[in-house]
């Protein structure tokens, strides 16, 4: 028997963003609208704190996306 399986594992994303961090393109798809943005700060008391800025987006082709910018590591990720 194996252990629990992680669902919705994030994948790396290529994001072009404005100076304030708002995404303009995600993996080559142009962003039409931002539905919501929120900040997660957790585990600040550990050696591996979590700081992420999430963006719920709509692309010009109508696709809904959720991406986050890892503020500790600097990389962008796409959440499924």
PDB file of N, CA and C in Angstrom:
ATOM      1  N   UNK A   1       0.841  -1.183   0.000  1.00  0.00           N
ATOM      2  CA  UNK A   1       0.000   0.000   0.000  1.00  0.00           C
ATOM      3  C   UNK A   1       0.886   1.247   0.000  1.00  0.00           C
ATOM      4  N   UNK A   2       0.531   2.227  -0.794  1.00  0.00           N
ATOM      5  CA  UNK A   2       1.301   3.467  -0.854  1.00  0.00           C
ATOM      6  C   UNK A   2       0.634   4.535   0.000  1.00  0.00           C
ATOM      7  N   UNK A   3       1.379   5.617   0.237  1.00  0.00           N
ATOM      8  CA  UNK A   3       0.860   6.723   1.036  1.00  0.00           C
ATOM      9  C   UNK A   3      -0.140   7.557   0.258  1.00  0.00           C
ATOM     10  N   UNK A   4      -0.614   8.613   0.886  1.00  0.00           N
ATOM     11  CA  UNK A   4      -1.591   9.489   0.228  1.00  0.00           C
ATOM     12  C   UNK A   4      -0.985  10.171  -0.993  1.00  0.00           C
ATOM     13  N   UNK A   5      -1.821  10.432  -1.970  1.00  0.00           N
ATOM     14  CA  UNK A   5      -1.392  11.079  -3.209  1.00  0.00           C
ATOM     15  C   UNK A   5      -1.771  12.552  -3.149  1.00  0.00           C
ATOM     16  N   UNK A   6      -0.832  13.414  -3.517  1.00  0.00           N
ATOM     17  CA  UNK A   6      -1.102  14.848  -3.537  1.00  0.00           C
ATOM     18  C   UNK A   6      -1.944  15.200  -4.750  1.00  0.00           C
ATOM     19  N   UNK A   7      -2.988  15.966  -4.519  1.00  0.00           N
ATOM     20  CA  UNK A   7      -3.840  16.432  -5.609  1.00  0.00           C
ATOM     21  C   UNK A   7      -3.463  17.859  -5.969  1.00  0.00           C
ATOM     22  N   UNK A   8      -3.683  18.227  -7.200  1.00  0.00           N
ATOM     23  CA  UNK A   8      -3.456  19.592  -7.675  1.00  0.00           C
ATOM     24  C   UNK A   8      -2.033  20.077  -7.394  1.00  0.00           C
ATOM     25  N   UNK A   9      -1.061  19.273  -7.775  1.00  0.00           N
ATOM     26  CA  UNK A   9       0.335  19.658  -7.603  1.00  0.00           C
ATOM     27  C   UNK A   9       0.646  20.807  -8.556  1.00  0.00           C
ATOM     28  N   UNK A  10       1.199  21.915  -8.064  1.00  0.00           N
ATOM     29  CA  UNK A  10       1.499  23.051  -8.941  1.00  0.00           C
ATOM     30  C   UNK A  10       2.578  22.708  -9.975  1.00  0.00           C
ATOM     31  N   UNK A  11       2.493  23.354 -11.136  1.00  0.00           N
ATOM     32  CA  UNK A  11       3.503  23.189 -12.176  1.00  0.00           C
ATOM     33  C   UNK A  11       4.125  24.548 -12.467  1.00  0.00           C
ATOM     34  N   UNK A  12       5.383  24.528 -12.905  1.00  0.00           N
ATOM     35  CA  UNK A  12       6.081  25.781 -13.224  1.00  0.00           C
ATOM     36  C   UNK A  12       5.344  26.518 -14.328  1.00  0.00           C
ATOM     37  N   UNK A  13       5.347  27.841 -14.247  1.00  0.00           N
ATOM     38  CA  UNK A  13       4.696  28.678 -15.254  1.00  0.00           C
ATOM     39  C   UNK A  13       5.652  29.785 -15.679  1.00  0.00           C
ATOM     40  N   UNK A  14       5.524  30.189 -16.930  1.00  0.00           N
ATOM     41  CA  UNK A  14       6.261  31.344 -17.439  1.00  0.00           C
ATOM     42  C   UNK A  14       5.295  32.513 -17.437  1.00  0.00           C
ATOM     43  N   UNK A  15       5.606  33.506 -16.618  1.00  0.00           N
ATOM     44  CA  UNK A  15       4.710  34.647 -16.427  1.00  0.00           C
ATOM     45  C   UNK A  15       5.454  35.946 -16.697  1.00  0.00           C
ATOM     46  N   UNK A  16       4.837  36.811 -17.485  1.00  0.00           N
ATOM     47  CA  UNK A  16       5.297  38.184 -17.648  1.00  0.00           C
ATOM     48  C   UNK A  16       4.348  39.028 -16.818  1.00  0.00           C
ATOM     49  N   UNK A  17       4.915  39.872 -15.956  1.00  0.00           N
ATOM     50  CA  UNK A  17       4.087  40.634 -15.032  1.00  0.00           C
ATOM     51  C   UNK A  17       4.464  42.104 -15.035  1.00  0.00           C
ATOM     52  N   UNK A  18       3.507  42.924 -14.599  1.00  0.00           N
ATOM     53  CA  UNK A  18       3.758  44.355 -14.424  1.00  0.00           C
ATOM     54  C   UNK A  18       4.686  44.561 -13.229  1.00  0.00           C
ATOM     55  N   UNK A  19       5.143  45.780 -13.034  1.00  0.00           N
ATOM     56  CA  UNK A  19       6.045  46.082 -11.921  1.00  0.00           C
ATOM     57  C   UNK A  19       5.420  45.752 -10.569  1.00  0.00           C
ATOM     58  N   UNK A  20       4.098  45.873 -10.463  1.00  0.00           N
ATOM     59  CA  UNK A  20       3.419  45.569  -9.195  1.00  0.00           C
ATOM     60  C   UNK A  20       3.143  44.072  -9.016  1.00  0.00           C
ATOM     61  N   UNK A  21       3.552  43.245  -9.986  1.00  0.00           N
ATOM     62  CA  UNK A  21       3.384  41.802  -9.890  1.00  0.00           C
ATOM     63  C   UNK A  21       2.174  41.249 -10.598  1.00  0.00           C
ATOM     64  N   UNK A  22       1.296  42.094 -11.106  1.00  0.00           N
ATOM     65  CA  UNK A  22       0.080  41.633 -11.781  1.00  0.00           C
ATOM     66  C   UNK A  22       0.445  40.961 -13.112  1.00  0.00           C
ATOM     67  N   UNK A  23       0.052  39.700 -13.309  1.00  0.00           N
ATOM     68  CA  UNK A  23       0.412  38.983 -14.533  1.00  0.00           C
ATOM     69  C   UNK A  23      -0.210  39.596 -15.790  1.00  0.00           C
ATOM     70  N   UNK A  24       0.597  39.665 -16.854  1.00  0.00           N
ATOM     71  CA  UNK A  24       0.151  40.108 -18.169  1.00  0.00           C
ATOM     72  C   UNK A  24      -0.043  38.921 -19.107  1.00  0.00           C
ATOM     73  N   UNK A  25       0.863  37.934 -19.007  1.00  0.00           N
ATOM     74  CA  UNK A  25       0.745  36.692 -19.772  1.00  0.00           C
ATOM     75  C   UNK A  25       1.144  35.526 -18.880  1.00  0.00           C
ATOM     76  N   UNK A  26       0.522  34.362 -19.143  1.00  0.00           N
ATOM     77  CA  UNK A  26       0.856  33.122 -18.443  1.00  0.00           C
ATOM     78  C   UNK A  26       1.032  32.047 -19.499  1.00  0.00           C
ATOM     79  N   UNK A  27       2.238  31.518 -19.587  1.00  0.00           N
ATOM     80  CA  UNK A  27       2.551  30.479 -20.582  1.00  0.00           C
ATOM     81  C   UNK A  27       2.102  30.892 -21.981  1.00  0.00           C
ATOM     82  N   UNK A  28       2.302  32.151 -22.327  1.00  0.00           N
ATOM     83  CA  UNK A  28       1.978  32.664 -23.652  1.00  0.00           C
ATOM     84  C   UNK A  28       0.537  33.104 -23.833  1.00  0.00           C
ATOM     85  N   UNK A  29      -0.313  32.914 -22.839  1.00  0.00           N
ATOM     86  CA  UNK A  29      -1.712  33.334 -22.925  1.00  0.00           C
ATOM     87  C   UNK A  29      -1.869  34.718 -22.312  1.00  0.00           C
ATOM     88  N   UNK A  30      -2.445  35.651 -23.071  1.00  0.00           N
ATOM     89  CA  UNK A  30      -2.642  37.016 -22.581  1.00  0.00           C
ATOM     90  C   UNK A  30      -3.752  37.061 -21.537  1.00  0.00           C
ATOM     91  N   UNK A  31      -3.520  37.840 -20.494  1.00  0.00           N
ATOM     92  CA  UNK A  31      -4.502  37.988 -19.419  1.00  0.00           C
ATOM     93  C   UNK A  31      -5.481  39.098 -19.776  1.00  0.00           C
ATOM     94  N   UNK A  32      -6.775  38.800 -19.704  1.00  0.00           N
ATOM     95  CA  UNK A  32      -7.827  39.776 -19.982  1.00  0.00           C
ATOM     96  C   UNK A  32      -8.324  40.439 -18.703  1.00  0.00           C
ATOM     97  N   UNK A  33      -8.434  39.658 -17.620  1.00  0.00           N
ATOM     98  CA  UNK A  33      -8.991  40.199 -16.379  1.00  0.00           C
ATOM     99  C   UNK A  33      -8.420  39.477 -15.167  1.00  0.00           C
ATOM    100  N   UNK A  34      -8.349  40.212 -14.077  1.00  0.00           N
ATOM    101  CA  UNK A  34      -7.985  39.644 -12.780  1.00  0.00           C
ATOM    102  C   UNK A  34      -9.272  39.527 -11.970  1.00  0.00           C
ATOM    103  N   UNK A  35      -9.602  38.325 -11.588  1.00  0.00           N
ATOM    104  CA  UNK A  35     -10.802  38.120 -10.760  1.00  0.00           C
ATOM    105  C   UNK A  35     -10.510  38.409  -9.297  1.00  0.00           C
ATOM    106  N   UNK A  36      -9.334  37.967  -8.848  1.00  0.00           N
ATOM    107  CA  UNK A  36      -9.018  38.097  -7.439  1.00  0.00           C
ATOM    108  C   UNK A  36      -7.519  37.917  -7.240  1.00  0.00           C
ATOM    109  N   UNK A  37      -7.002  38.524  -6.189  1.00  0.00           N
ATOM    110  CA  UNK A  37      -5.618  38.335  -5.787  1.00  0.00           C
ATOM    111  C   UNK A  37      -5.580  38.253  -4.267  1.00  0.00           C
ATOM    112  N   UNK A  38      -4.756  37.352  -3.751  1.00  0.00           N
ATOM    113  CA  UNK A  38      -4.643  37.240  -2.300  1.00  0.00           C
ATOM    114  C   UNK A  38      -3.242  36.786  -1.918  1.00  0.00           C
ATOM    115  N   UNK A  39      -2.871  37.084  -0.692  1.00  0.00           N
ATOM    116  CA  UNK A  39      -1.546  36.777  -0.161  1.00  0.00           C
ATOM    117  C   UNK A  39      -1.676  35.711   0.914  1.00  0.00           C
ATOM    118  N   UNK A  40      -0.809  34.698   0.835  1.00  0.00           N
ATOM    119  CA  UNK A  40      -0.746  33.646   1.851  1.00  0.00           C
ATOM    120  C   UNK A  40       0.615  33.739   2.521  1.00  0.00           C
ATOM    121  N   UNK A  41       0.609  33.879   3.825  1.00  0.00           N
ATOM    122  CA  UNK A  41       1.840  33.835   4.618  1.00  0.00           C
ATOM    123  C   UNK A  41       1.611  32.822   5.729  1.00  0.00           C
ATOM    124  N   UNK A  42       2.400  31.746   5.705  1.00  0.00           N
ATOM    125  CA  UNK A  42       2.206  30.664   6.651  1.00  0.00           C
ATOM    126  C   UNK A  42       3.565  30.073   7.002  1.00  0.00           C
ATOM    127  N   UNK A  43       3.585  29.309   8.040  1.00  0.00           N
ATOM    128  CA  UNK A  43       4.804  28.628   8.519  1.00  0.00           C
ATOM    129  C   UNK A  43       5.953  29.600   8.746  1.00  0.00           C
ATOM    130  N   UNK A  44       5.664  30.835   9.081  1.00  0.00           N
ATOM    131  CA  UNK A  44       6.707  31.843   9.296  1.00  0.00           C
ATOM    132  C   UNK A  44       7.601  31.483  10.476  1.00  0.00           C
ATOM    133  N   UNK A  45       7.151  30.610  11.326  1.00  0.00           N
ATOM    134  CA  UNK A  45       7.902  30.225  12.517  1.00  0.00           C
ATOM    135  C   UNK A  45       8.849  29.057  12.248  1.00  0.00           C
ATOM    136  N   UNK A  46       8.836  28.525  11.016  1.00  0.00           N
ATOM    137  CA  UNK A  46       9.670  27.370  10.678  1.00  0.00           C
ATOM    138  C   UNK A  46      10.871  27.805   9.832  1.00  0.00           C
ATOM    139  N   UNK A  47      11.703  26.834   9.497  1.00  0.00           N
ATOM    140  CA  UNK A  47      12.845  27.091   8.615  1.00  0.00           C
ATOM    141  C   UNK A  47      12.419  27.203   7.156  1.00  0.00           C
ATOM    142  N   UNK A  48      11.176  26.814   6.848  1.00  0.00           N
ATOM    143  CA  UNK A  48      10.664  26.877   5.472  1.00  0.00           C
ATOM    144  C   UNK A  48       9.351  27.661   5.430  1.00  0.00           C
ATOM    145  N   UNK A  49       9.441  28.979   5.604  1.00  0.00           N
ATOM    146  CA  UNK A  49       8.210  29.778   5.576  1.00  0.00           C
ATOM    147  C   UNK A  49       7.577  29.771   4.185  1.00  0.00           C
ATOM    148  N   UNK A  50       6.280  30.037   4.157  1.00  0.00           N
ATOM    149  CA  UNK A  50       5.515  30.043   2.915  1.00  0.00           C
ATOM    150  C   UNK A  50       4.974  31.452   2.690  1.00  0.00           C
ATOM    151  N   UNK A  51       5.366  32.074   1.576  1.00  0.00           N
ATOM    152  CA  UNK A  51       4.856  33.393   1.187  1.00  0.00           C
ATOM    153  C   UNK A  51       4.517  33.326  -0.294  1.00  0.00           C
ATOM    154  N   UNK A  52       3.229  33.412  -0.607  1.00  0.00           N
ATOM    155  CA  UNK A  52       2.772  33.323  -1.992  1.00  0.00           C
ATOM    156  C   UNK A  52       1.716  34.385  -2.271  1.00  0.00           C
ATOM    157  N   UNK A  53       1.809  35.002  -3.456  1.00  0.00           N
ATOM    158  CA  UNK A  53       0.770  35.896  -3.958  1.00  0.00           C
ATOM    159  C   UNK A  53       0.035  35.133  -5.042  1.00  0.00           C
ATOM    160  N   UNK A  54      -1.245  34.862  -4.812  1.00  0.00           N
ATOM    161  CA  UNK A  54      -2.090  34.139  -5.764  1.00  0.00           C
ATOM    162  C   UNK A  54      -2.859  35.120  -6.636  1.00  0.00           C
ATOM    163  N   UNK A  55      -3.110  34.702  -7.885  1.00  0.00           N
ATOM    164  CA  UNK A  55      -3.883  35.484  -8.845  1.00  0.00           C
ATOM    165  C   UNK A  55      -4.872  34.564  -9.534  1.00  0.00           C
ATOM    166  N   UNK A  56      -6.145  34.893  -9.482  1.00  0.00           N
ATOM    167  CA  UNK A  56      -7.156  34.185 -10.264  1.00  0.00           C
ATOM    168  C   UNK A  56      -7.421  35.039 -11.488  1.00  0.00           C
ATOM    169  N   UNK A  57      -7.182  34.467 -12.669  1.00  0.00           N
ATOM    170  CA  UNK A  57      -7.166  35.226 -13.915  1.00  0.00           C
ATOM    171  C   UNK A  57      -8.118  34.650 -14.952  1.00  0.00           C
ATOM    172  N   UNK A  58      -8.469  35.498 -15.925  1.00  0.00           N
ATOM    173  CA  UNK A  58      -9.195  35.075 -17.123  1.00  0.00           C
ATOM    174  C   UNK A  58      -8.341  35.518 -18.307  1.00  0.00           C
ATOM    175  N   UNK A  59      -8.058  34.580 -19.217  1.00  0.00           N
ATOM    176  CA  UNK A  59      -7.256  34.919 -20.383  1.00  0.00           C
ATOM    177  C   UNK A  59      -8.156  35.465 -21.492  1.00  0.00           C
ATOM    178  N   UNK A  60      -7.535  36.028 -22.522  1.00  0.00           N
ATOM    179  CA  UNK A  60      -8.301  36.585 -23.639  1.00  0.00           C
ATOM    180  C   UNK A  60      -9.072  35.507 -24.397  1.00  0.00           C
ATOM    181  N   UNK A  61      -8.648  34.247 -24.280  1.00  0.00           N
ATOM    182  CA  UNK A  61      -9.380  33.152 -24.936  1.00  0.00           C
ATOM    183  C   UNK A  61     -10.454  32.565 -24.019  1.00  0.00           C
ATOM    184  N   UNK A  62     -10.648  33.157 -22.826  1.00  0.00           N
ATOM    185  CA  UNK A  62     -11.713  32.727 -21.933  1.00  0.00           C
ATOM    186  C   UNK A  62     -11.328  31.678 -20.906  1.00  0.00           C
ATOM    187  N   UNK A  63     -10.081  31.294 -20.868  1.00  0.00           N
ATOM    188  CA  UNK A  63      -9.629  30.267 -19.920  1.00  0.00           C
ATOM    189  C   UNK A  63      -9.455  30.874 -18.524  1.00  0.00           C
ATOM    190  N   UNK A  64      -9.895  30.161 -17.504  1.00  0.00           N
ATOM    191  CA  UNK A  64      -9.694  30.567 -16.116  1.00  0.00           C
ATOM    192  C   UNK A  64      -8.412  29.924 -15.591  1.00  0.00           C
ATOM    193  N   UNK A  65      -7.570  30.723 -14.964  1.00  0.00           N
ATOM    194  CA  UNK A  65      -6.299  30.236 -14.439  1.00  0.00           C
ATOM    195  C   UNK A  65      -6.097  30.717 -13.016  1.00  0.00           C
ATOM    196  N   UNK A  66      -5.373  29.912 -12.239  1.00  0.00           N
ATOM    197  CA  UNK A  66      -4.897  30.353 -10.936  1.00  0.00           C
ATOM    198  C   UNK A  66      -3.393  30.141 -10.943  1.00  0.00           C
ATOM    199  N   UNK A  67      -2.658  31.220 -10.722  1.00  0.00           N
ATOM    200  CA  UNK A  67      -1.203  31.163 -10.644  1.00  0.00           C
ATOM    201  C   UNK A  67      -0.777  31.780  -9.323  1.00  0.00           C
ATOM    202  N   UNK A  68       0.436  31.417  -8.893  1.00  0.00           N
ATOM    203  CA  UNK A  68       0.975  32.083  -7.715  1.00  0.00           C
ATOM    204  C   UNK A  68       2.451  32.362  -7.903  1.00  0.00           C
ATOM    205  N   UNK A  69       2.876  33.443  -7.280  1.00  0.00           N
ATOM    206  CA  UNK A  69       4.272  33.846  -7.283  1.00  0.00           C
ATOM    207  C   UNK A  69       4.834  33.484  -5.917  1.00  0.00           C
ATOM    208  N   UNK A  70       5.820  32.600  -5.905  1.00  0.00           N
ATOM    209  CA  UNK A  70       6.482  32.213  -4.666  1.00  0.00           C
ATOM    210  C   UNK A  70       7.390  33.374  -4.263  1.00  0.00           C
ATOM    211  N   UNK A  71       6.989  34.139  -3.273  1.00  0.00           N
ATOM    212  CA  UNK A  71       7.717  35.342  -2.886  1.00  0.00           C
ATOM    213  C   UNK A  71       9.022  35.028  -2.167  1.00  0.00           C
ATOM    214  N   UNK A  72       9.190  33.801  -1.707  1.00  0.00           N
ATOM    215  CA  UNK A  72      10.441  33.389  -1.073  1.00  0.00           C
ATOM    216  C   UNK A  72      11.449  32.962  -2.136  1.00  0.00           C
ATOM    217  N   UNK A  73      11.001  32.122  -3.076  1.00  0.00           N
ATOM    218  CA  UNK A  73      11.894  31.596  -4.104  1.00  0.00           C
ATOM    219  C   UNK A  73      11.926  32.392  -5.390  1.00  0.00           C
ATOM    220  N   UNK A  74      10.887  33.226  -5.627  1.00  0.00           N
ATOM    221  CA  UNK A  74      10.854  34.064  -6.809  1.00  0.00           C
ATOM    222  C   UNK A  74      10.257  33.431  -8.056  1.00  0.00           C
ATOM    223  N   UNK A  75       9.852  32.180  -7.990  1.00  0.00           N
ATOM    224  CA  UNK A  75       9.309  31.500  -9.170  1.00  0.00           C
ATOM    225  C   UNK A  75       7.793  31.627  -9.241  1.00  0.00           C
ATOM    226  N   UNK A  76       7.289  31.447 -10.469  1.00  0.00           N
ATOM    227  CA  UNK A  76       5.839  31.428 -10.721  1.00  0.00           C
ATOM    228  C   UNK A  76       5.391  29.994 -10.905  1.00  0.00           C
ATOM    229  N   UNK A  77       4.177  29.715 -10.413  1.00  0.00           N
ATOM    230  CA  UNK A  77       3.600  28.374 -10.487  1.00  0.00           C
ATOM    231  C   UNK A  77       2.147  28.480 -10.928  1.00  0.00           C
ATOM    232  N   UNK A  78       1.699  27.443 -11.607  1.00  0.00           N
ATOM    233  CA  UNK A  78       0.311  27.353 -12.048  1.00  0.00           C
ATOM    234  C   UNK A  78      -0.388  26.287 -11.215  1.00  0.00           C
ATOM    235  N   UNK A  79      -1.500  26.653 -10.614  1.00  0.00           N
ATOM    236  CA  UNK A  79      -2.263  25.726  -9.783  1.00  0.00           C
ATOM    237  C   UNK A  79      -3.378  25.133 -10.624  1.00  0.00           C
ATOM    238  N   UNK A  80      -3.605  23.854 -10.537  1.00  0.00           N
ATOM    239  CA  UNK A  80      -4.677  23.219 -11.321  1.00  0.00           C
ATOM    240  C   UNK A  80      -5.918  23.091 -10.494  1.00  0.00           C
TER     241      UNK A  80
END
